[in-house]
Amino acid sequence: MTVLALLLCAGSHSAWALSLGPAMFMVQHVVPGQTLDVRKKAGVVFTVKNDTDTDGSYSLTCRKPSQNLGDWEAGYEEIPNPEWCVLEKTEFVVPAKTKVEIGLTINIPDKLDHYNCKWMLAVVLTAGKNTGIAVGLAIAARVQIETAFSDDKQSGGASAIAAVPCVVQVKGKAGSVFAESVTLRNNAQRELECKSERLVDVYPKEDIKYPRYASPRFQALVKETWLANVEPKFTMKNGENHELKLNGQIPATAKPGGKWEELVFVSEVSADPVLAPGKAGLVKRQVKTFFRVQYTVSEEK
């Protein structure tokens, strides 16, 4: 399990002089069936800070992102059940001019469908007690949850497009060629016309989003690629598998012992994206996923 936290405030509201942080963090390699205490494993907690002169009562709740966010990072689907994520406190008092730290525990049910998945969770701070209704003043943080990868072709059933495995590991010497593949499966209940993209295609002008996808200990390949001629477009019938070949070469200049990573997105080609419930009514979201290609350059010459 690895955790990458963007250590900035998710938001604040002048009416409360209140803040919630971190804004976002990513938890990778979450194994279904194993309880993960994020505070104990990585030391990451939600911090609620009250800068007012009076004590305040607040609620912190795990929700599907569409309840509070108009949009979120591409390639992450809504978590099927936010109750898989449990906060140490949900209703609490923050004394004046102080802060409260609250941990998060994740427990994904042990099902093959839950491997190779990428989900977004919203953790929402509101004033007063939790009513279960997403109205009024609110601050939302985001948790990117990526479950452990599996080579089992039947895994990933909880994703609209399953990528098996969701992490492709390439190991070789500098200058060596490689030939790998990933199996894609259409679980969207309809035929999909798909295209392969890179992060710069998905966000051509939003460089600020690139670090949100980066795995710890890997150098990100964002504007360059070590892959060659990835199939640009293809069609999958409902329930159908499609093998996407990943051929390429590790550059001769790659430093031995170095680690690099690039992302390949698989996106629905559609002029009419699927309508889904959102903060401001119905929001359009195309079916989209991504997988990671991680390179480790061997020390051998």
Protein backbone atom coordinates (compact mmCIF):
# COMPACT_ATOMS: atom_id res chain seq x y z
CA MET A 1 0.00 0.00 0.00
CA THR A 2 1.29 3.45 -0.89
CA VAL A 3 -0.18 6.86 -0.12
CA LEU A 4 0.54 10.13 -1.91
CA ALA A 5 -0.93 13.22 -0.26
CA LEU A 6 -1.22 16.67 -1.77
CA LEU A 7 -0.63 18.62 1.39
CA LEU A 8 -2.78 21.66 0.77
CA CYS A 9 -6.13 22.73 2.05
CA ALA A 10 -9.19 21.21 0.39
CA GLY A 11 -10.95 24.47 0.98
CA SER A 12 -12.03 26.99 3.49
CA HIS A 13 -15.06 29.17 3.99
CA SER A 14 -14.86 32.73 5.23
CA ALA A 15 -18.25 32.40 6.87
CA TRP A 16 -16.76 29.75 9.15
CA ALA A 17 -13.03 30.63 9.11
CA LEU A 18 -12.74 26.86 8.78
CA SER A 19 -10.47 24.65 6.67
CA LEU A 20 -10.06 20.97 5.75
CA GLY A 21 -6.88 19.30 4.53
CA PRO A 22 -5.31 17.58 2.73
CA ALA A 23 -7.20 18.54 -0.42
CA MET A 24 -6.57 15.17 -2.00
CA PHE A 25 -4.59 12.02 -1.48
CA MET A 26 -4.13 8.80 -3.39
CA VAL A 27 -4.09 5.34 -1.80
CA GLN A 28 -2.67 2.66 -4.09
CA HIS A 29 -2.52 -1.14 -3.94
CA VAL A 30 -5.51 -1.45 -1.59
CA VAL A 31 -6.10 -5.19 -1.21
CA PRO A 32 -9.79 -6.19 -1.12
CA GLY A 33 -10.63 -8.00 2.11
CA GLN A 34 -7.84 -6.33 4.10
CA THR A 35 -8.64 -3.43 6.42
CA LEU A 36 -6.40 -0.44 5.78
CA ASP A 37 -5.93 2.20 8.48
CA VAL A 38 -4.48 5.14 6.54
CA ARG A 39 -3.32 6.94 9.69
CA LYS A 40 -1.38 3.93 10.96
CA LYS A 41 0.05 2.91 7.59
CA ALA A 42 0.99 6.31 6.20
CA GLY A 43 0.39 8.93 8.89
CA VAL A 44 -2.16 10.76 6.73
CA VAL A 45 -5.18 12.26 8.50
CA PHE A 46 -7.84 14.84 7.77
CA THR A 47 -7.20 18.06 9.68
CA VAL A 48 -10.14 20.33 10.48
CA LYS A 49 -9.00 23.76 11.64
CA ASN A 50 -11.23 26.32 13.36
CA ASP A 51 -9.84 29.87 13.30
CA THR A 52 -12.89 31.48 14.86
CA ASP A 53 -13.18 32.78 18.41
CA THR A 54 -15.88 30.26 19.35
CA ASP A 55 -16.15 26.48 19.48
CA GLY A 56 -17.89 24.88 16.51
CA SER A 57 -19.79 21.68 15.85
CA TYR A 58 -19.13 19.98 12.53
CA SER A 59 -19.71 16.78 10.55
CA LEU A 60 -17.34 14.85 8.31
CA THR A 61 -18.90 12.35 5.93
CA CYS A 62 -17.77 9.88 3.25
CA ARG A 63 -19.87 10.28 0.12
CA LYS A 64 -19.97 9.48 -3.56
CA PRO A 65 -18.31 12.40 -5.35
CA SER A 66 -21.38 13.24 -7.47
CA GLN A 67 -23.15 14.34 -4.27
CA ASN A 68 -20.79 17.29 -3.80
CA LEU A 69 -18.49 17.59 -6.82
CA GLY A 70 -19.50 18.74 -10.28
CA ASP A 71 -16.56 16.85 -11.74
CA TRP A 72 -13.41 15.02 -10.66
CA GLU A 73 -10.21 13.52 -12.06
CA ALA A 74 -10.66 11.55 -15.27
CA GLY A 75 -10.27 7.78 -15.09
CA TYR A 76 -11.65 7.45 -11.56
CA GLU A 77 -15.18 6.16 -11.16
CA GLU A 78 -17.42 6.81 -8.19
CA ILE A 79 -16.77 4.45 -5.32
CA PRO A 80 -19.66 1.92 -5.42
CA ASN A 81 -20.29 2.17 -1.67
CA PRO A 82 -18.82 5.01 0.44
CA GLU A 83 -19.63 2.96 3.57
CA TRP A 84 -16.52 0.92 2.78
CA CYS A 85 -14.64 3.95 4.11
CA VAL A 86 -15.00 4.79 7.81
CA LEU A 87 -13.88 7.96 9.58
CA GLU A 88 -12.69 7.94 13.19
CA LYS A 89 -15.21 10.69 13.92
CA THR A 90 -18.22 11.90 11.98
CA GLU A 91 -19.66 14.48 14.41
CA PHE A 92 -17.32 16.51 16.60
CA VAL A 93 -16.53 19.86 18.20
CA VAL A 94 -13.48 21.88 17.18
CA PRO A 95 -12.51 24.31 19.96
CA ALA A 96 -11.81 27.93 19.02
CA LYS A 97 -8.39 28.60 17.49
CA THR A 98 -7.47 24.92 17.32
CA LYS A 99 -7.71 21.84 15.12
CA VAL A 100 -8.89 18.23 15.16
CA GLU A 101 -7.29 15.31 13.32
CA ILE A 102 -9.46 12.49 11.98
CA GLY A 103 -8.24 9.21 10.49
CA LEU A 104 -9.73 7.12 7.71
CA THR A 105 -10.03 3.33 7.42
CA ILE A 106 -10.73 1.59 4.09
CA ASN A 107 -12.16 -1.93 3.85
CA ILE A 108 -13.07 -3.04 0.33
CA PRO A 109 -15.04 -6.33 0.25
CA ASP A 110 -13.00 -9.31 -0.90
CA LYS A 111 -14.36 -9.91 -4.39
CA LEU A 112 -12.52 -10.49 -7.65
CA ASP A 113 -14.62 -7.69 -9.17
CA HIS A 114 -12.89 -5.23 -6.82
CA TYR A 115 -9.34 -5.79 -8.08
CA ASN A 116 -7.90 -3.48 -10.77
CA CYS A 117 -10.33 -0.69 -9.85
CA LYS A 118 -9.89 3.07 -9.49
CA TRP A 119 -12.44 4.97 -7.44
CA MET A 120 -12.97 8.48 -6.16
CA LEU A 121 -14.30 9.15 -2.66
CA ALA A 122 -15.48 12.54 -1.42
CA VAL A 123 -14.95 13.40 2.25
CA VAL A 124 -17.25 16.30 3.03
CA LEU A 125 -17.11 18.76 5.93
CA THR A 126 -20.30 20.57 6.94
CA ALA A 127 -21.42 22.69 9.86
CA GLY A 128 -23.63 21.05 12.49
CA LYS A 129 -24.84 17.45 12.55
CA ASN A 130 -24.91 15.18 9.54
CA THR A 131 -28.38 15.22 7.99
CA GLY A 132 -27.47 13.01 5.05
CA ILE A 133 -28.46 15.79 2.66
CA ALA A 134 -25.78 17.57 0.63
CA VAL A 135 -26.99 21.15 1.08
CA GLY A 136 -25.61 24.31 2.68
CA LEU A 137 -21.99 25.26 3.19
CA ALA A 138 -19.62 22.37 2.55
CA ILE A 139 -15.95 21.67 1.89
CA ALA A 140 -15.01 18.47 0.04
CA ALA A 141 -11.69 16.63 -0.03
CA ARG A 142 -10.98 13.83 -2.49
CA VAL A 143 -9.48 10.38 -1.95
CA GLN A 144 -8.23 8.46 -4.99
CA ILE A 145 -8.49 4.74 -4.23
CA GLU A 146 -6.68 2.26 -6.46
CA THR A 147 -7.13 -1.39 -5.59
CA ALA A 148 -4.46 -4.06 -5.97
CA PHE A 149 -3.77 -5.35 -9.45
CA SER A 150 -4.54 -8.88 -10.59
CA ASP A 151 -3.77 -10.85 -13.75
CA ASP A 152 -7.06 -12.76 -13.47
CA LYS A 153 -9.05 -11.94 -16.61
CA GLN A 154 -12.30 -12.01 -14.61
CA SER A 155 -11.17 -9.28 -12.22
CA GLY A 156 -12.23 -5.63 -12.41
CA GLY A 157 -15.92 -6.33 -12.86
CA ALA A 158 -16.85 -3.29 -10.76
CA SER A 159 -15.32 -0.98 -13.40
CA ALA A 160 -17.12 0.09 -16.57
CA ILE A 161 -13.93 -0.74 -18.46
CA ALA A 162 -11.67 -3.22 -16.70
CA ALA A 163 -7.93 -3.02 -17.40
CA VAL A 164 -6.22 -6.31 -16.49
CA PRO A 165 -3.77 -5.76 -15.00
CA CYS A 166 -4.15 -2.10 -14.05
CA VAL A 167 -0.38 -1.89 -13.54
CA VAL A 168 1.91 -3.24 -16.27
CA GLN A 169 5.46 -3.75 -15.03
CA VAL A 170 8.31 -3.58 -17.53
CA LYS A 171 11.84 -4.47 -16.43
CA GLY A 172 14.88 -4.37 -18.66
CA LYS A 173 18.22 -2.88 -19.51
CA ALA A 174 18.64 0.56 -21.05
CA GLY A 175 18.10 0.24 -24.80
CA SER A 176 16.12 -3.01 -24.57
CA VAL A 177 12.82 -3.52 -26.39
CA PHE A 178 9.72 -4.93 -24.72
CA ALA A 179 6.38 -6.46 -25.73
CA GLU A 180 3.57 -6.47 -23.15
CA SER A 181 -0.20 -6.27 -23.28
CA VAL A 182 -3.23 -5.42 -21.18
CA THR A 183 -6.67 -6.99 -21.47
CA LEU A 184 -9.60 -4.57 -21.56
CA ARG A 185 -13.14 -5.73 -20.83
CA ASN A 186 -16.33 -3.80 -21.48
CA ASN A 187 -18.62 -3.93 -18.43
CA ALA A 188 -20.62 -0.82 -19.39
CA GLN A 189 -23.75 -2.75 -20.50
CA ARG A 190 -23.52 -1.31 -24.00
CA GLU A 191 -21.17 -1.34 -26.99
CA LEU A 192 -18.29 1.11 -26.62
CA GLU A 193 -16.23 2.82 -29.28
CA CYS A 194 -12.95 3.56 -27.52
CA LYS A 195 -9.75 5.48 -28.07
CA SER A 196 -6.39 5.29 -26.33
CA GLU A 197 -5.00 8.55 -24.94
CA ARG A 198 -2.19 9.88 -22.83
CA LEU A 199 -2.46 12.23 -19.87
CA VAL A 200 -1.55 15.24 -22.04
CA ASP A 201 -4.40 14.34 -24.39
CA VAL A 202 -6.91 14.20 -21.55
CA TYR A 203 -5.61 17.43 -19.96
CA PRO A 204 -3.72 19.33 -22.69
CA LYS A 205 -3.73 22.64 -20.81
CA GLU A 206 -4.10 21.63 -17.16
CA ASP A 207 -0.57 20.86 -16.00
CA ILE A 208 -1.73 21.28 -12.40
CA LYS A 209 -3.49 17.90 -12.64
CA TYR A 210 -0.44 15.87 -13.66
CA PRO A 211 1.04 15.41 -10.15
CA ARG A 212 -2.31 14.08 -8.92
CA TYR A 213 -1.76 10.89 -10.92
CA ALA A 214 1.92 10.32 -10.11
CA SER A 215 2.97 7.21 -8.19
CA PRO A 216 5.54 7.66 -5.43
CA ARG A 217 9.13 6.69 -6.28
CA PHE A 218 8.48 6.83 -10.04
CA GLN A 219 9.46 9.61 -12.41
CA ALA A 220 6.47 10.57 -14.51
CA LEU A 221 6.60 10.38 -18.31
CA VAL A 222 4.02 12.99 -19.22
CA LYS A 223 5.11 14.67 -22.43
CA GLU A 224 7.16 11.76 -23.71
CA THR A 225 6.41 8.07 -24.12
CA TRP A 226 8.41 4.85 -24.32
CA LEU A 227 5.51 3.08 -26.05
CA ALA A 228 5.22 2.76 -29.82
CA ASN A 229 2.07 2.68 -31.93
CA VAL A 230 -0.54 1.94 -29.26
CA GLU A 231 -3.79 1.07 -31.05
CA PRO A 232 -5.60 4.44 -31.32
CA LYS A 233 -9.22 3.32 -31.73
CA PHE A 234 -11.22 0.11 -31.33
CA THR A 235 -14.73 -1.11 -30.52
CA MET A 236 -15.83 -3.47 -27.75
CA LYS A 237 -19.22 -5.11 -27.54
CA ASN A 238 -20.79 -5.46 -24.10
CA GLY A 239 -18.88 -8.11 -22.13
CA GLU A 240 -16.18 -8.39 -24.78
CA ASN A 241 -12.42 -8.47 -24.12
CA HIS A 242 -9.88 -6.57 -26.18
CA GLU A 243 -6.12 -7.08 -26.00
CA LEU A 244 -4.17 -3.84 -26.23
CA LYS A 245 -0.57 -4.49 -27.22
CA LEU A 246 2.14 -2.43 -25.56
CA ASN A 247 5.36 -2.50 -27.53
CA GLY A 248 8.25 -0.13 -27.08
CA GLN A 249 11.83 0.46 -26.06
CA ILE A 250 13.57 1.67 -22.93
CA PRO A 251 15.83 4.54 -24.06
CA ALA A 252 19.54 3.80 -24.20
CA THR A 253 20.06 6.93 -22.09
CA ALA A 254 17.84 5.69 -19.23
CA LYS A 255 19.72 5.64 -15.95
CA PRO A 256 20.32 2.12 -14.55
CA GLY A 257 18.28 1.62 -11.39
CA GLY A 258 15.84 4.34 -12.39
CA LYS A 259 12.05 4.02 -12.29
CA TRP A 260 9.65 5.70 -14.70
CA GLU A 261 5.90 5.59 -15.21
CA GLU A 262 3.43 6.60 -17.88
CA LEU A 263 -0.36 6.38 -18.04
CA VAL A 264 -2.53 5.08 -20.86
CA PHE A 265 -6.17 6.19 -20.81
CA VAL A 266 -8.95 4.28 -22.53
CA SER A 267 -11.84 6.64 -23.23
CA GLU A 268 -15.27 6.25 -24.73
CA VAL A 269 -15.65 8.05 -28.04
CA SER A 270 -19.08 9.62 -27.81
CA ALA A 271 -20.70 12.93 -28.63
CA ASP A 272 -23.26 12.24 -25.92
CA PRO A 273 -21.52 11.23 -22.66
CA VAL A 274 -23.49 9.36 -20.03
CA LEU A 275 -25.59 11.53 -17.73
CA ALA A 276 -24.96 10.93 -14.04
CA PRO A 277 -26.32 12.59 -10.88
CA GLY A 278 -24.10 15.45 -9.78
CA LYS A 279 -23.82 18.46 -7.52
CA ALA A 280 -25.61 20.71 -9.97
CA GLY A 281 -28.08 18.16 -11.30
CA LEU A 282 -27.05 15.83 -14.10
CA VAL A 283 -23.42 15.95 -15.23
CA LYS A 284 -22.01 14.39 -18.36
CA ARG A 285 -19.32 11.77 -17.79
CA GLN A 286 -17.85 9.57 -20.47
CA VAL A 287 -16.71 6.08 -19.62
CA LYS A 288 -12.98 6.35 -19.05
CA THR A 289 -10.26 4.41 -17.28
CA PHE A 290 -6.48 4.28 -17.29
CA PHE A 291 -3.70 1.87 -16.49
CA ARG A 292 -0.11 2.45 -15.44
CA VAL A 293 2.97 1.26 -17.29
CA GLN A 294 5.87 1.22 -14.82
CA TYR A 295 9.45 0.82 -16.02
CA THR A 296 12.39 -0.35 -13.91
CA VAL A 297 15.77 -0.11 -15.60
CA SER A 298 18.07 -2.90 -14.48
CA GLU A 299 21.57 -2.25 -13.16
CA GLU A 300 23.06 -4.65 -15.73
CA LYS A 301 24.96 -3.15 -18.62
